[in-house]
Amino acid sequence: MLDSGRTPGDVLVVTTGEPHPWATHELSFGDAAYWAQHDAGDDVFYTDAAAVDRAASRAVVVVALNGGDEAAAATVLPLARSRAGTLLIVCGDPQRVNSVLGAGV
């Protein structure tokens, strides 16, 4: 994506299972510092299903269905779709994606 002209601040990555290692690392500095990076909007931001409703829209939203239960996927995917300005990328089992979004992926 970055090679196609997107900037790091254009990208939001959401996980449904284990948090991305970057998110885990950044949260070790505290919740306020973590969300301040989000608000700055100058780098890729990683969050998990539990906090996606707090994330602002970005041009590109990447969802990693890397675990979690169906309720997490059912919550995250519609929110991610509404947060994606131009591109939504969903990584995971296509049958799981289709059942939650009701789409043919």
Protein backbone atom coordinates (compact mmCIF):
# COMPACT_ATOMS: atom_id res chain seq x y z
CA MET A 1 0.00 0.00 0.00
CA LEU A 2 2.76 2.42 0.86
CA ASP A 3 4.39 1.76 -2.52
CA SER A 4 1.15 2.85 -4.21
CA GLY A 5 1.28 6.29 -2.63
CA ARG A 6 -0.55 5.74 0.63
CA THR A 7 1.03 7.33 3.68
CA PRO A 8 1.39 5.43 6.95
CA GLY A 9 -1.20 7.72 8.51
CA ASP A 10 -3.75 6.51 5.94
CA VAL A 11 -3.82 3.02 7.46
CA LEU A 12 -5.73 1.55 10.41
CA VAL A 13 -5.17 -2.13 11.25
CA VAL A 14 -7.73 -3.93 13.42
CA THR A 15 -7.28 -7.39 14.93
CA THR A 16 -10.01 -9.65 16.29
CA GLY A 17 -7.78 -12.04 18.22
CA GLU A 18 -4.37 -11.36 19.68
CA PRO A 19 -3.38 -7.70 19.45
CA HIS A 20 -0.70 -6.74 16.97
CA PRO A 21 2.73 -6.69 18.68
CA TRP A 22 3.08 -2.97 17.93
CA ALA A 23 -0.17 -2.22 19.78
CA THR A 24 0.96 -4.30 22.75
CA HIS A 25 4.28 -2.45 22.85
CA GLU A 26 2.73 1.00 22.55
CA LEU A 27 0.08 0.27 25.18
CA SER A 28 2.92 -0.50 27.61
CA PHE A 29 3.49 3.29 27.69
CA GLY A 30 -0.10 3.89 28.76
CA ASP A 31 -3.48 4.39 27.23
CA ALA A 32 -3.12 8.16 26.82
CA ALA A 33 0.16 7.90 24.88
CA TYR A 34 -1.24 5.12 22.72
CA TRP A 35 -4.32 7.10 21.69
CA ALA A 36 -2.28 10.29 21.25
CA GLN A 37 -0.45 8.46 18.46
CA HIS A 38 -3.81 7.63 16.91
CA ASP A 39 -4.92 11.24 17.11
CA ALA A 40 -1.65 12.47 15.56
CA GLY A 41 -2.53 10.40 12.48
CA ASP A 42 1.00 10.27 11.12
CA ASP A 43 1.66 6.52 11.32
CA VAL A 44 -0.11 3.21 10.83
CA PHE A 45 -2.31 2.65 13.86
CA TYR A 46 -3.05 -0.80 15.25
CA THR A 47 -6.00 -1.53 17.51
CA ASP A 48 -8.13 -4.48 18.45
CA ALA A 49 -11.79 -5.35 18.26
CA ALA A 50 -12.52 -4.07 21.75
CA ALA A 51 -11.40 -0.52 20.89
CA VAL A 52 -12.23 -0.15 17.19
CA ASP A 53 -15.25 2.02 17.95
CA ARG A 54 -12.84 4.62 19.35
CA ALA A 55 -10.73 4.70 16.18
CA ALA A 56 -11.31 7.46 13.65
CA SER A 57 -11.81 6.88 9.95
CA ARG A 58 -8.75 6.31 7.80
CA ALA A 59 -8.45 5.97 4.04
CA VAL A 60 -7.47 2.31 4.40
CA VAL A 61 -8.68 -0.12 7.05
CA VAL A 62 -7.16 -3.59 7.28
CA VAL A 63 -8.98 -6.15 9.40
CA ALA A 64 -7.13 -9.27 10.51
CA LEU A 65 -9.59 -11.96 11.56
CA ASN A 66 -6.84 -13.60 13.57
CA GLY A 67 -9.02 -15.25 16.17
CA GLY A 68 -11.64 -14.05 18.53
CA ASP A 69 -15.23 -15.19 18.54
CA GLU A 70 -17.94 -14.57 15.99
CA ALA A 71 -19.30 -11.68 18.05
CA ALA A 72 -15.97 -9.85 17.69
CA ALA A 73 -15.98 -10.33 13.92
CA ALA A 74 -19.65 -9.34 13.70
CA THR A 75 -18.88 -6.12 15.57
CA VAL A 76 -15.58 -5.26 13.89
CA LEU A 77 -16.42 -5.78 10.23
CA PRO A 78 -19.34 -3.36 9.95
CA LEU A 79 -17.44 -0.76 12.01
CA ALA A 80 -14.35 -1.23 9.85
CA ARG A 81 -16.43 -0.81 6.72
CA SER A 82 -17.79 2.48 8.05
CA ARG A 83 -14.27 3.66 9.03
CA ALA A 84 -12.67 2.85 5.66
CA GLY A 85 -12.57 5.95 3.51
CA THR A 86 -11.57 4.30 0.24
CA LEU A 87 -10.35 0.76 0.88
CA LEU A 88 -11.29 -2.06 3.24
CA ILE A 89 -9.05 -5.12 3.30
CA VAL A 90 -10.17 -8.15 5.28
CA CYS A 91 -7.72 -10.98 5.96
CA GLY A 92 -9.20 -14.22 7.15
CA ASP A 93 -11.41 -17.13 6.25
CA PRO A 94 -13.66 -16.04 3.35
CA GLN A 95 -16.60 -18.07 4.67
CA ARG A 96 -16.37 -16.27 8.00
CA VAL A 97 -16.20 -12.90 6.26
CA ASN A 98 -19.17 -13.72 4.03
CA SER A 99 -21.30 -14.89 6.95
CA VAL A 100 -20.68 -11.71 8.91
CA LEU A 101 -20.88 -9.19 6.07
CA GLY A 102 -23.48 -11.03 4.05
CA ALA A 103 -21.37 -10.53 0.95
CA GLY A 104 -19.71 -12.71 -1.64
CA VAL A 105 -16.01 -12.24 -1.02
